Amino acid sequence: MKTKALKTYIAGPISGMEEEAFRNFAKAEEELNSQGYAVLNPMIDAKFTLSFSYMDWIKHGLFLLDLADAIYMLPGWENSKGARLEHAYAECRGIKIIYAEEPAGEENCLKKKSA
């Protein structure tokens, strides 16, 4: 019997850097897919989502995050109001948090798994 892939939402800074964010999220999606995660990428349909207002992004992100088993925090998430909200929401819901870069004093589950 095949194990169900962990549904993992990607979170990180977007506002003011949408084109760069699209590349960062795509790279993270590729990395996570290669490790067997089922990825929920809020930037997947950039033609549609780039026209979103800030509140549209928040609602869209929280909707996808609600479907997730884990959240993958991209570098710079601490400087993004939306990503901090998603992080806090994940903590409140008991969703597993995976960091692309280790915060001080915490293990990076993803890099540990691939080592």
Protein backbone atom coordinates (compact mmCIF):
# COMPACT_ATOMS: atom_id res chain seq x y z
CA MET A 1 0.00 0.00 0.00
CA LYS A 2 1.42 3.35 -1.06
CA THR A 3 1.92 6.04 1.62
CA LYS A 4 -0.08 9.23 1.12
CA ALA A 5 2.10 12.25 0.26
CA LEU A 6 2.21 15.06 2.81
CA LYS A 7 0.19 17.98 1.36
CA THR A 8 2.58 20.91 1.81
CA TYR A 9 1.71 24.59 1.34
CA ILE A 10 4.51 26.98 0.30
CA ALA A 11 4.65 30.31 2.19
CA GLY A 12 6.96 33.26 1.69
CA PRO A 13 7.19 36.91 0.72
CA ILE A 14 5.18 37.95 -2.35
CA SER A 15 4.08 41.60 -2.05
CA GLY A 16 6.19 43.97 -4.09
CA MET A 17 8.27 41.18 -5.61
CA GLU A 18 5.70 39.09 -7.48
CA GLU A 19 7.91 38.01 -10.40
CA GLU A 20 10.78 36.98 -8.10
CA ALA A 21 8.29 35.28 -5.79
CA PHE A 22 6.91 33.27 -8.70
CA ARG A 23 10.43 31.94 -9.41
CA ASN A 24 11.13 31.25 -5.70
CA PHE A 25 7.85 29.39 -5.24
CA ALA A 26 8.39 27.37 -8.46
CA LYS A 27 11.88 26.35 -7.32
CA ALA A 28 10.54 25.30 -3.90
CA GLU A 29 7.72 23.36 -5.58
CA GLU A 30 10.22 21.48 -7.72
CA GLU A 31 12.39 20.66 -4.68
CA LEU A 32 9.42 19.51 -2.60
CA ASN A 33 7.96 17.43 -5.46
CA SER A 34 11.33 15.70 -5.92
CA GLN A 35 11.16 14.65 -2.26
CA GLY A 36 7.67 13.20 -2.59
CA TYR A 37 5.56 16.02 -1.15
CA ALA A 38 2.16 16.94 -2.67
CA VAL A 39 2.66 20.68 -3.15
CA LEU A 40 0.07 23.42 -2.68
CA ASN A 41 1.63 26.42 -4.43
CA PRO A 42 -0.39 29.65 -4.10
CA MET A 43 1.51 31.09 -7.08
CA ILE A 44 0.62 28.20 -9.41
CA ASP A 45 -1.66 30.24 -11.66
CA ALA A 46 0.30 33.49 -11.79
CA LYS A 47 -1.77 35.00 -14.62
CA PHE A 48 -4.81 34.82 -12.36
CA THR A 49 -3.28 35.46 -8.94
CA LEU A 50 -1.04 38.39 -9.97
CA SER A 51 -4.20 40.46 -10.34
CA PHE A 52 -5.18 39.71 -6.72
CA SER A 53 -5.53 42.43 -4.10
CA TYR A 54 -3.62 41.92 -0.85
CA MET A 55 -6.77 40.58 0.88
CA ASP A 56 -7.39 38.22 -2.06
CA TRP A 57 -3.89 36.80 -1.51
CA ILE A 58 -4.58 36.30 2.21
CA LYS A 59 -7.91 34.54 1.58
CA HIS A 60 -6.43 32.42 -1.22
CA GLY A 61 -3.44 31.43 0.93
CA LEU A 62 -5.47 30.54 4.01
CA PHE A 63 -7.88 28.49 1.89
CA LEU A 64 -4.99 26.42 0.51
CA LEU A 65 -3.25 26.24 3.88
CA ASP A 66 -6.43 24.83 5.41
CA LEU A 67 -6.03 21.83 3.05
CA ALA A 68 -2.38 21.26 4.02
CA ASP A 69 -0.67 18.81 6.35
CA ALA A 70 2.49 20.98 6.41
CA ILE A 71 3.70 24.47 5.55
CA TYR A 72 7.10 25.15 3.93
CA MET A 73 8.48 28.55 4.93
CA LEU A 74 10.68 30.18 2.27
CA PRO A 75 13.61 32.42 3.22
CA GLY A 76 12.47 35.91 4.20
CA TRP A 77 9.09 34.76 5.50
CA GLU A 78 9.76 36.61 8.78
CA ASN A 79 9.68 39.92 6.85
CA SER A 80 6.30 39.21 5.21
CA LYS A 81 3.11 40.12 7.06
CA GLY A 82 1.15 37.52 5.07
CA ALA A 83 3.68 34.72 5.58
CA ARG A 84 3.83 35.50 9.32
CA LEU A 85 0.04 35.23 9.42
CA GLU A 86 0.20 31.88 7.61
CA HIS A 87 2.89 30.69 10.04
CA ALA A 88 0.76 31.69 13.05
CA TYR A 89 -2.31 30.02 11.49
CA ALA A 90 -0.32 26.82 10.96
CA GLU A 91 0.85 26.89 14.57
CA CYS A 92 -2.72 27.37 15.84
CA ARG A 93 -4.00 24.51 13.66
CA GLY A 94 -1.15 22.14 14.56
CA ILE A 95 0.09 22.01 10.95
CA LYS A 96 3.69 20.77 10.64
CA ILE A 97 6.10 23.64 9.89
CA ILE A 98 9.13 23.05 7.65
CA TYR A 99 11.72 25.81 7.15
CA ALA A 100 13.79 26.26 3.98
CA GLU A 101 16.39 27.91 6.21
CA GLU A 102 16.77 26.93 9.83
CA PRO A 103 15.57 29.55 12.28
CA ALA A 104 17.94 29.91 15.23
CA GLY A 105 17.64 26.90 17.50
CA GLU A 106 15.34 24.81 15.28
CA GLU A 107 15.91 21.77 13.06
CA ASN A 108 15.11 21.88 9.37
CA CYS A 109 13.02 18.73 8.83
CA LEU A 110 13.27 18.88 5.03
CA LYS A 111 17.07 19.14 4.88
CA LYS A 112 17.46 16.52 7.62
CA LYS A 113 15.27 14.13 5.61
CA SER A 114 17.35 14.60 2.45
CA ALA A 115 20.75 14.25 4.19
